[in-house]
Protein backbone atom coordinates (compact mmCIF):
# COMPACT_ATOMS: atom_id res chain seq x y z
CA MET A 1 0.00 0.00 0.00
CA LYS A 2 2.88 2.34 0.78
CA ILE A 3 4.42 1.85 -2.67
CA LYS A 4 1.03 2.41 -4.30
CA SER A 5 0.41 5.64 -2.39
CA THR A 6 3.92 6.88 -3.20
CA LEU A 7 3.41 6.12 -6.88
CA ILE A 8 0.12 8.01 -6.82
CA CYS A 9 1.77 11.04 -5.16
CA ILE A 10 4.61 11.11 -7.70
CA SER A 11 2.16 10.69 -10.57
CA MET A 12 0.18 13.67 -9.26
CA PHE A 13 3.40 15.66 -8.92
CA LEU A 14 4.32 14.77 -12.49
CA GLY A 15 1.12 16.44 -13.55
CA THR A 16 2.63 19.80 -12.64
CA PHE A 17 5.34 19.22 -15.25
CA LEU A 18 3.35 17.55 -18.00
CA PHE A 19 0.72 18.95 -20.32
CA ALA A 20 1.75 22.61 -19.77
CA GLU A 21 3.75 22.68 -23.01
CA THR A 22 5.56 20.19 -25.20
CA LEU A 23 9.04 21.21 -26.33
CA THR A 24 11.09 19.76 -29.15
CA LEU A 25 14.84 19.34 -28.84
CA LYS A 26 15.42 22.35 -31.10
CA GLN A 27 13.10 24.50 -28.99
CA CYS A 28 14.94 23.49 -25.82
CA ILE A 29 18.29 24.36 -27.43
CA ASP A 30 16.99 27.72 -28.68
CA ILE A 31 15.64 28.62 -25.23
CA ALA A 32 18.94 27.66 -23.60
CA GLN A 33 20.93 29.70 -26.13
CA THR A 34 18.86 32.74 -25.18
CA ASN A 35 18.30 32.31 -21.44
CA ASN A 36 21.09 30.12 -20.04
CA PRO A 37 23.08 32.27 -17.57
CA THR A 38 26.43 30.69 -18.47
CA ILE A 39 25.93 31.55 -22.14
CA GLN A 40 24.80 35.07 -21.22
CA GLN A 41 27.93 35.61 -19.13
CA ARG A 42 30.18 34.32 -21.91
CA GLN A 43 28.44 36.56 -24.46
CA LEU A 44 28.99 39.56 -22.20
CA SER A 45 32.68 38.63 -21.93
CA SER A 46 32.82 38.46 -25.71
CA GLU A 47 31.26 41.93 -25.97
CA ILE A 48 33.82 43.24 -23.46
CA GLY A 49 36.54 41.73 -25.66
CA LYS A 50 35.17 43.53 -28.73
CA SER A 51 35.20 46.80 -26.78
CA LYS A 52 38.83 46.23 -25.78
CA VAL A 53 39.78 45.70 -29.44
CA LYS A 54 38.28 49.10 -30.30
CA GLN A 55 39.95 50.62 -27.25
CA SER A 56 43.37 49.35 -28.37
CA PHE A 57 43.24 51.59 -31.48
CA SER A 58 43.19 54.70 -29.27
CA ALA A 59 46.93 54.22 -28.80
CA ILE A 60 47.63 55.21 -32.43
CA MET A 61 45.12 58.06 -32.52
CA PRO A 62 46.07 61.65 -31.67
CA SER A 63 45.19 63.17 -28.33
CA VAL A 64 43.71 66.67 -28.38
CA SER A 65 43.11 68.95 -25.40
CA VAL A 66 42.05 72.55 -24.84
CA SER A 67 42.63 74.81 -21.88
CA SER A 68 41.53 78.28 -20.82
CA GLY A 69 41.90 80.42 -17.74
CA LEU A 70 41.60 83.73 -15.99
CA GLY A 71 44.30 85.29 -13.89
CA SER A 72 45.69 88.52 -12.46
CA SER A 73 48.94 89.74 -10.95
CA SER A 74 50.32 92.86 -9.28
CA GLN A 75 52.49 93.40 -12.38
CA ASN A 76 49.32 94.21 -14.32
CA SER A 77 47.72 96.20 -11.51
CA TRP A 78 45.63 93.16 -10.78
CA ASP A 79 43.80 93.45 -14.08
CA LEU A 80 42.19 90.21 -15.22
CA SER A 81 43.91 88.44 -18.09
CA GLN A 82 42.61 85.61 -20.21
CA SER A 83 44.45 82.75 -21.83
CA MET A 84 43.54 79.88 -24.10
CA GLY A 85 45.52 76.95 -25.37
CA ILE A 86 45.10 74.00 -27.72
CA SER A 87 47.48 71.07 -27.85
CA ALA A 88 47.60 67.84 -29.85
CA GLY A 89 49.94 64.92 -29.52
CA LEU A 90 50.58 61.75 -31.50
CA THR A 91 52.73 58.78 -30.67
CA PHE A 92 54.28 57.59 -33.92
CA TYR A 93 55.90 54.57 -32.37
CA ARG A 94 56.69 53.06 -29.04
CA PRO A 95 57.62 49.46 -28.12
CA GLY A 96 54.54 47.22 -28.20
CA LEU A 97 52.26 49.87 -29.72
CA TYR A 98 51.14 47.95 -32.81
CA SER A 99 51.71 44.55 -31.21
CA GLY A 100 49.14 45.50 -28.55
CA ILE A 101 46.54 46.16 -31.23
CA LYS A 102 47.29 42.85 -32.93
CA SER A 103 47.16 41.00 -29.61
CA ALA A 104 43.80 42.59 -28.78
CA LYS A 105 42.38 41.44 -32.13
CA ILE A 106 43.52 37.86 -31.60
CA THR A 107 42.23 37.92 -28.02
CA GLY A 108 38.86 39.02 -29.38
CA GLU A 109 38.88 36.01 -31.74
CA ALA A 110 39.80 33.74 -28.81
CA ASN A 111 36.86 35.13 -26.82
CA ARG A 112 34.58 34.43 -29.77
CA ALA A 113 35.84 30.82 -29.95
CA ALA A 114 35.35 30.44 -26.19
CA SER A 115 31.80 31.74 -26.54
CA ILE A 116 31.06 29.14 -29.25
CA SER A 117 32.58 26.43 -27.05
CA THR A 118 30.31 27.43 -24.16
CA GLN A 119 27.26 27.40 -26.42
CA ASN A 120 28.21 23.94 -27.72
CA ASP A 121 28.70 22.65 -24.16
CA ILE A 122 25.25 23.86 -23.12
CA THR A 123 23.71 22.45 -26.31
CA THR A 124 25.21 19.04 -25.56
CA GLN A 125 24.04 19.19 -21.95
CA VAL A 126 20.52 20.06 -23.12
CA SER A 127 20.57 17.23 -25.68
CA THR A 128 21.85 14.70 -23.12
CA LEU A 129 19.17 15.69 -20.60
CA TYR A 130 16.52 15.63 -23.33
CA PHE A 131 17.43 12.04 -24.24
CA ARG A 132 17.58 11.06 -20.56
CA ILE A 133 14.07 12.44 -20.08
CA LEU A 134 12.83 10.45 -23.07
CA SER A 135 14.69 7.33 -21.90
CA THR A 136 13.18 7.44 -18.41
CA LYS A 137 9.79 8.31 -19.89
CA THR A 138 9.98 5.20 -22.09
CA LEU A 139 11.19 3.05 -19.20
CA ILE A 140 8.26 4.28 -17.11
CA GLN A 141 5.96 2.97 -19.81
CA VAL A 142 7.90 -0.31 -19.88
CA TYR A 143 7.60 -0.80 -16.13
CA GLU A 144 3.94 0.22 -16.16
CA GLY A 145 3.33 -2.40 -18.85
CA ASN A 146 5.16 -5.05 -16.83
CA ILE A 147 3.22 -4.10 -13.71
CA ALA A 148 -0.02 -4.53 -15.65
CA VAL A 149 1.13 -7.98 -16.80
CA ALA A 150 2.28 -8.84 -13.28
CA GLU A 151 -1.09 -7.71 -11.88
CA GLU A 152 -2.94 -9.87 -14.40
CA ASN A 153 -0.71 -12.83 -13.63
CA LEU A 154 -1.16 -12.29 -9.92
CA LYS A 155 -4.92 -12.43 -10.31
CA LYS A 156 -4.64 -15.66 -12.27
CA THR A 157 -2.23 -17.08 -9.73
CA ARG A 158 -4.62 -16.33 -6.87
CA SER A 159 -7.46 -17.96 -8.80
CA MET A 160 -5.33 -21.05 -9.38
CA TYR A 161 -4.38 -21.10 -5.71
CA LYS A 162 -8.06 -21.05 -4.71
CA LEU A 163 -8.56 -24.03 -6.98
CA LYS A 164 -5.57 -25.65 -5.21
CA VAL A 165 -3.74 -25.99 -8.52
CA ILE A 166 -0.66 -24.18 -7.16
CA THR A 167 0.75 -23.47 -3.73
CA GLU A 168 0.66 -20.28 -1.66
CA SER A 169 4.37 -19.87 -2.36
CA ASP A 170 3.58 -19.24 -6.02
CA VAL A 171 1.18 -16.45 -5.04
CA LEU A 172 3.78 -14.86 -2.78
CA LYS A 173 6.43 -14.99 -5.51
CA SER A 174 4.05 -13.23 -7.91
CA GLU A 175 3.40 -10.53 -5.32
CA VAL A 176 7.13 -10.05 -4.79
CA GLN A 177 7.75 -9.69 -8.51
CA LYS A 178 5.00 -7.09 -8.86
CA GLY A 179 6.45 -5.19 -5.89
CA ASP A 180 9.89 -5.23 -7.55
CA PHE A 181 8.44 -3.73 -10.71
CA GLU A 182 6.65 -1.04 -8.70
CA SER A 183 9.88 -0.13 -6.90
CA GLN A 184 11.73 0.19 -10.22
CA LEU A 185 8.90 2.31 -11.58
CA LEU A 186 9.18 4.57 -8.53
CA ILE A 187 12.90 5.08 -9.20
CA GLN A 188 12.30 5.95 -12.85
CA LYS A 189 9.60 8.48 -12.00
CA GLN A 190 11.88 10.07 -9.44
CA LEU A 191 14.64 10.34 -12.05
CA TYR A 192 12.16 11.76 -14.55
CA ILE A 193 11.18 14.60 -12.21
CA SER A 194 14.84 15.31 -11.43
CA TYR A 195 15.75 15.48 -15.13
CA LEU A 196 12.86 17.84 -15.85
CA ARG A 197 14.01 20.17 -13.07
CA SER A 198 17.61 20.07 -14.31
CA MET A 199 16.46 20.87 -17.83
CA ASN A 200 14.55 23.91 -16.55
CA ILE A 201 17.72 25.20 -14.89
CA LEU A 202 19.66 24.77 -18.14
CA LEU A 203 16.91 26.66 -19.95
CA GLY A 204 17.27 29.52 -17.48
CA ARG A 205 13.80 28.95 -16.02
CA ASP A 206 12.27 28.16 -12.65
CA ALA A 207 12.97 24.53 -11.77
CA ASN A 208 9.29 23.70 -11.37
CA THR A 209 8.12 25.11 -14.72
CA GLY A 210 5.79 22.54 -16.25
CA PHE A 211 6.63 21.05 -19.65
CA ASP A 212 6.95 17.79 -21.56
CA VAL A 213 9.30 16.77 -24.37
CA ALA A 214 8.44 15.55 -27.85
CA ASP A 215 9.52 12.11 -28.98
CA VAL A 216 12.42 11.66 -31.39
CA ASP A 217 13.26 8.98 -33.90
CA VAL A 218 16.04 7.10 -32.11
CA ASP A 219 17.01 5.32 -35.32
CA ASN A 220 17.61 8.60 -37.16
CA ILE A 221 21.36 9.17 -36.79
CA ASP A 222 23.31 11.94 -38.53
CA ILE A 223 27.08 11.70 -38.11
CA PRO A 224 29.78 11.71 -40.81
CA GLN A 225 32.41 9.05 -41.40
CA TYR A 226 35.32 9.25 -38.96
CA ASP A 227 37.82 10.72 -41.46
CA ILE A 228 35.38 13.45 -42.44
CA ALA A 229 34.60 14.15 -38.78
CA TRP A 230 38.33 14.45 -38.07
CA ASP A 231 38.78 17.08 -40.79
CA MET A 232 35.69 18.95 -39.59
CA MET A 233 37.00 18.94 -36.02
CA LEU A 234 40.36 20.40 -37.08
CA LYS A 235 38.60 23.21 -38.97
CA ARG A 236 35.65 23.93 -36.68
CA ASN A 237 36.31 22.83 -33.09
CA PRO A 238 36.32 26.02 -30.97
CA ASP A 239 38.56 24.56 -28.24
CA TYR A 240 41.24 23.69 -30.80
CA GLU A 241 40.82 27.10 -32.45
CA SER A 242 41.15 28.78 -29.06
CA ALA A 243 44.40 26.89 -28.35
CA GLN A 244 45.76 27.96 -31.76
CA LEU A 245 44.84 31.59 -31.06
CA GLN A 246 46.55 31.45 -27.67
CA GLU A 247 49.72 30.34 -29.46
CA GLN A 248 49.39 33.32 -31.84
CA ILE A 249 48.92 35.68 -28.90
CA SER A 250 52.08 34.31 -27.28
CA LYS A 251 54.02 34.94 -30.51
CA VAL A 252 52.79 38.54 -30.64
CA VAL A 253 53.63 39.09 -26.97
CA LEU A 254 57.13 37.67 -27.56
CA ASN A 255 57.68 40.06 -30.46
CA ALA A 256 56.41 42.92 -28.30
CA SER A 257 58.94 42.04 -25.59
CA LYS A 258 61.75 42.22 -28.19
CA GLU A 259 60.51 45.65 -29.29
CA ALA A 260 61.44 46.99 -25.85
CA TYR A 261 64.96 47.51 -27.24
CA LEU A 262 63.66 50.00 -29.85
CA PRO A 263 63.22 53.77 -29.37
CA SER A 264 59.96 55.68 -28.99
CA LEU A 265 58.96 58.55 -31.27
CA SER A 266 56.20 61.10 -30.66
CA GLY A 267 55.16 64.56 -31.83
CA GLN A 268 53.20 67.46 -30.29
CA TYR A 269 51.68 70.71 -31.45
CA SER A 270 50.39 73.51 -29.21
CA TYR A 271 48.82 76.92 -29.67
CA THR A 272 48.57 79.53 -26.88
CA ASN A 273 46.83 82.90 -26.90
CA THR A 274 46.75 85.28 -23.88
CA PHE A 275 44.61 87.88 -25.67
CA ASP A 276 47.18 90.52 -24.70
CA PRO A 277 47.66 93.01 -27.57
CA LEU A 278 51.30 93.30 -26.59
CA LEU A 279 51.88 89.57 -26.86
CA THR A 280 51.72 87.49 -30.01
CA PRO A 281 49.96 84.09 -29.90
CA THR A 282 52.46 81.28 -29.97
CA ASN A 283 52.56 78.09 -31.99
CA SER A 284 54.96 75.32 -31.20
CA VAL A 285 55.75 71.93 -32.73
CA ASN A 286 57.87 69.34 -30.96
CA LEU A 287 59.22 66.02 -32.15
CA SER A 288 60.82 63.85 -29.51
CA ALA A 289 62.52 60.49 -29.42
CA SER A 290 63.58 58.45 -26.44
CA TRP A 291 65.61 55.30 -26.20
CA THR A 292 66.26 53.25 -23.10
CA LEU A 293 69.84 52.06 -23.45
CA PHE A 294 69.98 49.96 -20.31
CA ASN A 295 67.55 49.05 -17.54
CA GLY A 296 69.27 46.18 -15.88
CA LEU A 297 68.22 42.66 -16.90
CA SER A 298 64.51 43.44 -17.09
CA ARG A 299 64.15 43.40 -20.89
CA ARG A 300 66.33 40.36 -21.43
CA GLU A 301 64.54 38.30 -18.78
CA ASN A 302 61.14 39.43 -20.04
CA VAL A 303 62.02 38.13 -23.52
CA GLN A 304 63.15 34.85 -22.02
CA GLN A 305 59.91 34.53 -20.05
CA LYS A 306 57.81 35.17 -23.17
CA LYS A 307 59.75 32.48 -25.05
CA LEU A 308 58.97 30.00 -22.30
CA GLU A 309 55.31 31.05 -22.27
CA LEU A 310 55.16 30.50 -26.05
CA GLU A 311 56.53 27.00 -25.54
CA GLN A 312 53.82 26.39 -22.93
CA THR A 313 51.09 27.36 -25.39
CA ARG A 314 52.58 25.03 -28.01
CA ILE A 315 52.54 22.15 -25.54
CA THR A 316 48.93 23.02 -24.66
CA LEU A 317 48.01 23.09 -28.36
CA ASP A 318 49.54 19.65 -28.99
CA ASN A 319 47.89 18.21 -25.90
CA THR A 320 44.52 19.72 -26.85
CA LEU A 321 44.71 18.04 -30.25
CA ARG A 322 45.62 14.68 -28.70
CA LEU A 323 42.74 14.89 -26.22
CA LEU A 324 40.26 15.85 -28.95
CA GLU A 325 41.46 12.95 -31.10
CA GLN A 326 41.04 10.55 -28.19
CA GLN A 327 37.53 11.84 -27.48
CA LEU A 328 36.50 11.58 -31.13
CA ARG A 329 37.81 8.01 -31.41
CA ASP A 330 36.16 7.04 -28.12
CA TYR A 331 32.80 8.43 -29.22
CA TYR A 332 32.93 6.59 -32.54
CA THR A 333 33.85 3.39 -30.70
CA GLN A 334 30.94 3.93 -28.32
CA PHE A 335 28.65 4.65 -31.26
CA GLU A 336 29.60 1.35 -32.93
CA THR A 337 29.19 -0.49 -29.61
CA TYR A 338 25.71 0.91 -28.98
CA THR A 339 24.71 0.16 -32.57
CA ALA A 340 25.72 -3.47 -32.07
CA MET A 341 23.95 -3.58 -28.70
CA ILE A 342 20.76 -2.24 -30.28
CA ASP A 343 20.79 -5.00 -32.90
CA ILE A 344 21.45 -7.64 -30.23
CA ASN A 345 18.73 -6.39 -27.89
CA LYS A 346 16.17 -6.14 -30.68
CA ARG A 347 16.69 -9.83 -31.45
CA ARG A 348 16.88 -10.61 -27.74
CA LEU A 349 13.58 -8.78 -27.06
CA LYS A 350 11.80 -10.55 -29.88
CA SER A 351 12.93 -13.94 -28.58
CA ALA A 352 12.15 -13.06 -24.95
CA GLN A 353 8.63 -11.92 -25.84
CA ARG A 354 7.98 -15.12 -27.77
CA ASP A 355 9.40 -17.22 -24.93
CA PHE A 356 7.24 -15.41 -22.35
CA SER A 357 4.13 -16.08 -24.42
CA ILE A 358 4.96 -19.80 -24.61
CA VAL A 359 5.89 -20.08 -20.92
CA ASN A 360 2.72 -18.25 -19.89
CA GLN A 361 0.57 -20.74 -21.82
CA GLN A 362 2.48 -23.67 -20.33
CA TYR A 363 2.09 -22.24 -16.85
CA ARG A 364 -1.66 -22.10 -17.21
CA LEU A 365 -1.54 -25.76 -18.11
CA GLY A 366 0.64 -26.49 -15.11
CA LYS A 367 3.61 -27.63 -17.21
CA VAL A 368 6.09 -25.06 -15.81
CA THR A 369 6.57 -23.43 -12.41
CA ILE A 370 5.95 -19.89 -11.28
CA LEU A 371 9.72 -19.35 -11.26
CA ASP A 372 9.90 -20.19 -14.97
CA ARG A 373 7.20 -17.64 -15.74
CA MET A 374 8.81 -14.94 -13.58
CA GLN A 375 12.17 -15.54 -15.20
CA ALA A 376 10.61 -15.28 -18.65
CA GLN A 377 8.99 -11.94 -17.78
CA ILE A 378 12.22 -10.62 -16.29
CA SER A 379 14.01 -11.57 -19.52
CA VAL A 380 11.51 -9.48 -21.48
CA LEU A 381 11.96 -6.53 -19.12
CA SER A 382 15.75 -6.81 -19.23
CA ALA A 383 15.87 -6.92 -23.03
CA GLU A 384 13.42 -4.06 -23.40
CA SER A 385 15.21 -1.88 -20.82
CA SER A 386 18.61 -2.59 -22.38
CA LEU A 387 17.27 -1.71 -25.81
CA VAL A 388 15.85 1.62 -24.61
CA GLU A 389 19.07 2.54 -22.80
CA ALA A 390 21.24 1.63 -25.81
CA GLN A 391 19.06 3.58 -28.24
CA TYR A 392 19.12 6.80 -26.23
CA SER A 393 22.77 6.38 -25.23
CA ARG A 394 23.64 6.28 -28.93
CA LYS A 395 21.73 9.55 -29.43
CA MET A 396 23.76 11.08 -26.57
CA VAL A 397 26.98 9.98 -28.26
CA GLU A 398 25.71 11.55 -31.49
CA SER A 399 25.31 14.91 -29.71
CA GLU A 400 28.85 14.61 -28.27
CA ILE A 401 30.26 14.05 -31.78
CA HIS A 402 28.30 17.07 -33.03
CA LYS A 403 29.93 19.15 -30.29
CA LEU A 404 33.45 18.06 -31.27
CA ILE A 405 32.93 18.84 -34.96
CA ASN A 406 30.87 21.97 -34.16
CA LYS A 407 27.92 20.72 -36.18
CA LYS A 408 24.79 22.84 -35.77
């Protein structure tokens, strides 16, 4: 009775999630791309990066300033005097000036790649949760079907016991099996509610927002051959692109550190007018150059540090490629494994269903025991559950491959 009441409570609670709206996988992904807080934060970081790129160009633009004032002195019998000045300056070159602009551009590209990587991560998480929801939803139906069969068999078993065809032990075993199915159903419903809540969080919504998900064709698979996927990953994967950009940034920074040995060159123009008829307004133009001949070991050690940092980024790039290759190979191996498991479990389920039908008929005739019938039903449940899990696990692997090759 306790299991029954718990199942009823969970079923009522499920009603708050179901029937409010039905979302497709694409709709879930679109909502997440718009509302997920992690994506929003990454997009803001990308916008900040774009602003910094624009800001970096200010270093090669002229600076202009104006000034004005009022003053008096005893020399002029404390009469008020006015003055106005305009000045403009331009740095033609200084160490790291143009390298900074180039570095900012590449950093902006790296931020863009990181933003795409974040979006792909969230998309994969949404897809995985979506398939988990469908998997548990299907398993709930499987267990409910087995409970219905177990209930029917239990009724028949009790009738046979009243006719003294079987023993009380057979009735008890049937009750135990039905209770096992109910317990497994309870677990699946609990998982189902948890997955729905997690999906709402990924979608940037309240955890208890009601919704259901649309079914998908688990046999519809869209992944390229491994060699094609490998080429696509090298060209499109944002994590690999980000590692390549970090290497480029390190090269630019190294060149900038070497530029510290070069001189700086700047120019300035100024105009001053005191509005005194006895004084002529002045114009001045200055061109200055400076060159640090020696500042200890700072420049030399800075160059050495940037060389080492460049080597670090190269190691990171190589390691990133190796890890991506391993992941891609692993996913294709998993895909092939799940495909084989699906074929096996389809045949297994067909045989188990046929065997259960035969055993059930023989049991009614008293030719087999209750244990034989229970084992036959468990074989059906096992094959059906394994098939469902393999089918949706393969879809999850498909979404992981799509993430690696950046397939939309």
